[in-house]
Amino acid sequence: MSKKMSYLLVIILMLLLTASLFATNFEISGHINTNTTWTGVDTVKVTNNIFVDNSITLTIDPGIFVEFQ
């Protein structure tokens, strides 16, 4: 492998590792009684039941991964 290719590989690995350090997630369960938007995070982990009141809107922005545990 050429030296140039090795440097490129190292840079790509560093970018991938750095991106994972800034990944954000939060855990949620329980009662949602106000209009809520899940935004600005990578993953929402649902750890127990979620209850959304009638006439309340839960909006999940595109690209957010919702994980049910």
N, C-alpha and C. Protein backbone atom coordinates (compact mmCIF):
# COMPACT_ATOMS: atom_id res chain seq x y z
N MET A 1 0.85 -1.17 0.00
CA MET A 1 0.00 0.00 0.00
C MET A 1 0.90 1.24 0.00
N SER A 2 0.55 2.22 -0.80
CA SER A 2 1.37 3.42 -0.88
C SER A 2 1.22 4.27 0.37
N LYS A 3 2.19 5.14 0.56
CA LYS A 3 2.18 6.02 1.72
C LYS A 3 0.96 6.96 1.67
N LYS A 4 0.65 7.43 0.48
CA LYS A 4 -0.51 8.32 0.31
C LYS A 4 -1.81 7.63 0.70
N MET A 5 -1.94 6.38 0.30
CA MET A 5 -3.13 5.60 0.63
C MET A 5 -3.22 5.34 2.13
N SER A 6 -2.10 5.10 2.77
CA SER A 6 -2.07 4.88 4.22
C SER A 6 -2.53 6.13 4.96
N TYR A 7 -2.06 7.29 4.53
CA TYR A 7 -2.48 8.54 5.16
C TYR A 7 -3.99 8.75 4.99
N LEU A 8 -4.48 8.48 3.80
CA LEU A 8 -5.91 8.63 3.53
C LEU A 8 -6.73 7.71 4.43
N LEU A 9 -6.28 6.49 4.59
CA LEU A 9 -6.97 5.52 5.45
C LEU A 9 -6.99 5.99 6.90
N VAL A 10 -5.88 6.51 7.38
CA VAL A 10 -5.79 7.01 8.75
C VAL A 10 -6.75 8.19 8.94
N ILE A 11 -6.82 9.09 7.98
CA ILE A 11 -7.71 10.24 8.08
C ILE A 11 -9.16 9.80 8.11
N ILE A 12 -9.53 8.86 7.27
CA ILE A 12 -10.90 8.36 7.25
C ILE A 12 -11.26 7.70 8.58
N LEU A 13 -10.37 6.90 9.12
CA LEU A 13 -10.64 6.26 10.42
C LEU A 13 -10.80 7.29 11.53
N MET A 14 -9.96 8.32 11.51
CA MET A 14 -10.06 9.37 12.52
C MET A 14 -11.40 10.10 12.43
N LEU A 15 -11.86 10.37 11.21
CA LEU A 15 -13.15 11.04 11.04
C LEU A 15 -14.30 10.17 11.55
N LEU A 16 -14.24 8.88 11.26
CA LEU A 16 -15.29 7.98 11.73
C LEU A 16 -15.32 7.89 13.25
N LEU A 17 -14.17 7.80 13.86
CA LEU A 17 -14.10 7.72 15.32
C LEU A 17 -14.57 9.03 15.96
N THR A 18 -14.19 10.15 15.38
CA THR A 18 -14.60 11.44 15.91
C THR A 18 -16.12 11.61 15.81
N ALA A 19 -16.69 11.18 14.71
CA ALA A 19 -18.14 11.30 14.54
C ALA A 19 -18.88 10.50 15.61
N SER A 20 -18.37 9.33 15.97
CA SER A 20 -19.05 8.53 16.98
C SER A 20 -18.94 9.15 18.37
N LEU A 21 -17.92 9.97 18.61
CA LEU A 21 -17.80 10.65 19.90
C LEU A 21 -18.88 11.71 20.08
N PHE A 22 -19.33 12.27 18.98
CA PHE A 22 -20.33 13.33 19.05
C PHE A 22 -21.75 12.83 18.81
N ALA A 23 -21.91 11.53 18.67
CA ALA A 23 -23.25 10.97 18.50
C ALA A 23 -24.03 11.20 19.79
N THR A 24 -25.26 11.62 19.62
CA THR A 24 -26.08 11.91 20.79
C THR A 24 -27.28 10.98 20.82
N ASN A 25 -27.67 10.65 22.00
CA ASN A 25 -28.88 9.85 22.17
C ASN A 25 -29.47 10.14 23.54
N PHE A 26 -30.73 9.80 23.69
CA PHE A 26 -31.33 9.90 25.02
C PHE A 26 -32.34 8.80 25.19
N GLU A 27 -32.65 8.52 26.44
CA GLU A 27 -33.61 7.48 26.79
C GLU A 27 -34.90 8.14 27.24
N ILE A 28 -36.00 7.48 26.91
CA ILE A 28 -37.30 8.05 27.27
C ILE A 28 -38.28 6.94 27.64
N SER A 29 -39.19 7.26 28.51
CA SER A 29 -40.33 6.40 28.85
C SER A 29 -41.33 7.29 29.59
N GLY A 30 -42.53 6.81 29.72
CA GLY A 30 -43.50 7.53 30.52
C GLY A 30 -44.54 8.29 29.72
N HIS A 31 -44.91 9.45 30.24
CA HIS A 31 -46.09 10.20 29.81
C HIS A 31 -45.65 11.45 29.05
N ILE A 32 -46.17 11.63 27.84
CA ILE A 32 -45.92 12.84 27.07
C ILE A 32 -47.23 13.61 27.02
N ASN A 33 -47.25 14.79 27.67
CA ASN A 33 -48.49 15.54 27.78
C ASN A 33 -48.41 16.94 27.15
N THR A 34 -47.32 17.23 26.45
CA THR A 34 -47.19 18.47 25.68
C THR A 34 -46.67 18.11 24.30
N ASN A 35 -46.98 18.94 23.31
CA ASN A 35 -46.45 18.70 21.97
C ASN A 35 -44.93 18.61 22.05
N THR A 36 -44.38 17.58 21.46
CA THR A 36 -42.96 17.28 21.61
C THR A 36 -42.36 16.94 20.25
N THR A 37 -41.14 17.44 20.02
CA THR A 37 -40.40 17.09 18.81
C THR A 37 -39.07 16.50 19.22
N TRP A 38 -38.79 15.32 18.71
CA TRP A 38 -37.49 14.72 18.92
C TRP A 38 -36.61 15.18 17.78
N THR A 39 -35.63 16.01 18.10
CA THR A 39 -34.76 16.60 17.10
C THR A 39 -33.35 16.75 17.66
N GLY A 40 -32.37 16.79 16.79
CA GLY A 40 -31.00 17.06 17.21
C GLY A 40 -30.30 15.91 17.91
N VAL A 41 -30.83 14.71 17.80
CA VAL A 41 -30.19 13.54 18.39
C VAL A 41 -30.07 12.46 17.32
N ASP A 42 -29.22 11.51 17.57
CA ASP A 42 -29.06 10.39 16.64
C ASP A 42 -30.03 9.26 16.95
N THR A 43 -30.17 8.95 18.26
CA THR A 43 -30.96 7.79 18.68
C THR A 43 -31.81 8.14 19.89
N VAL A 44 -33.06 7.69 19.85
CA VAL A 44 -33.94 7.77 21.01
C VAL A 44 -34.19 6.34 21.46
N LYS A 45 -33.82 6.03 22.69
CA LYS A 45 -34.02 4.68 23.23
C LYS A 45 -35.26 4.69 24.12
N VAL A 46 -36.27 3.95 23.68
CA VAL A 46 -37.51 3.83 24.46
C VAL A 46 -37.31 2.67 25.43
N THR A 47 -37.23 3.00 26.72
CA THR A 47 -36.88 2.00 27.71
C THR A 47 -38.08 1.36 28.40
N ASN A 48 -39.26 1.94 28.20
CA ASN A 48 -40.48 1.41 28.80
C ASN A 48 -41.65 1.96 28.00
N ASN A 49 -42.87 1.81 28.48
CA ASN A 49 -44.03 2.32 27.76
C ASN A 49 -43.98 3.84 27.63
N ILE A 50 -44.53 4.33 26.52
CA ILE A 50 -44.73 5.76 26.31
C ILE A 50 -46.21 5.98 26.08
N PHE A 51 -46.75 6.98 26.74
CA PHE A 51 -48.15 7.35 26.59
C PHE A 51 -48.21 8.78 26.07
N VAL A 52 -48.86 8.98 24.91
CA VAL A 52 -49.03 10.30 24.34
C VAL A 52 -50.51 10.66 24.47
N ASP A 53 -50.78 11.77 25.18
CA ASP A 53 -52.17 12.20 25.40
C ASP A 53 -52.89 12.49 24.09
N ASN A 54 -54.24 12.35 24.12
CA ASN A 54 -55.06 12.76 22.98
C ASN A 54 -54.80 14.22 22.67
N SER A 55 -54.85 14.58 21.43
CA SER A 55 -54.63 15.93 20.90
C SER A 55 -53.19 16.43 21.09
N ILE A 56 -52.30 15.58 21.52
CA ILE A 56 -50.88 15.92 21.64
C ILE A 56 -50.14 15.31 20.45
N THR A 57 -49.17 16.04 19.91
CA THR A 57 -48.42 15.58 18.75
C THR A 57 -46.99 15.26 19.15
N LEU A 58 -46.56 14.06 18.80
CA LEU A 58 -45.16 13.68 18.95
C LEU A 58 -44.58 13.64 17.54
N THR A 59 -43.61 14.52 17.27
CA THR A 59 -42.96 14.59 15.97
C THR A 59 -41.55 14.05 16.09
N ILE A 60 -41.18 13.15 15.19
CA ILE A 60 -39.83 12.58 15.17
C ILE A 60 -39.18 13.03 13.87
N ASP A 61 -38.13 13.83 13.98
CA ASP A 61 -37.46 14.35 12.79
C ASP A 61 -36.85 13.24 11.96
N PRO A 62 -36.76 13.44 10.65
CA PRO A 62 -36.15 12.45 9.77
C PRO A 62 -34.71 12.15 10.19
N GLY A 63 -34.32 10.90 10.07
CA GLY A 63 -32.96 10.49 10.38
C GLY A 63 -32.73 10.07 11.82
N ILE A 64 -33.72 10.26 12.67
CA ILE A 64 -33.58 9.84 14.06
C ILE A 64 -33.97 8.37 14.17
N PHE A 65 -33.10 7.60 14.75
CA PHE A 65 -33.33 6.18 14.95
C PHE A 65 -34.02 5.98 16.29
N VAL A 66 -35.16 5.30 16.29
CA VAL A 66 -35.89 5.02 17.53
C VAL A 66 -35.71 3.55 17.84
N GLU A 67 -35.11 3.29 19.00
CA GLU A 67 -34.80 1.91 19.42
C GLU A 67 -35.69 1.54 20.61
N PHE A 68 -36.45 0.47 20.46
CA PHE A 68 -37.30 0.00 21.55
C PHE A 68 -36.58 -1.13 22.28
N GLN A 69 -36.46 -0.99 23.58
CA GLN A 69 -35.75 -2.00 24.37
C GLN A 69 -36.71 -2.84 25.16
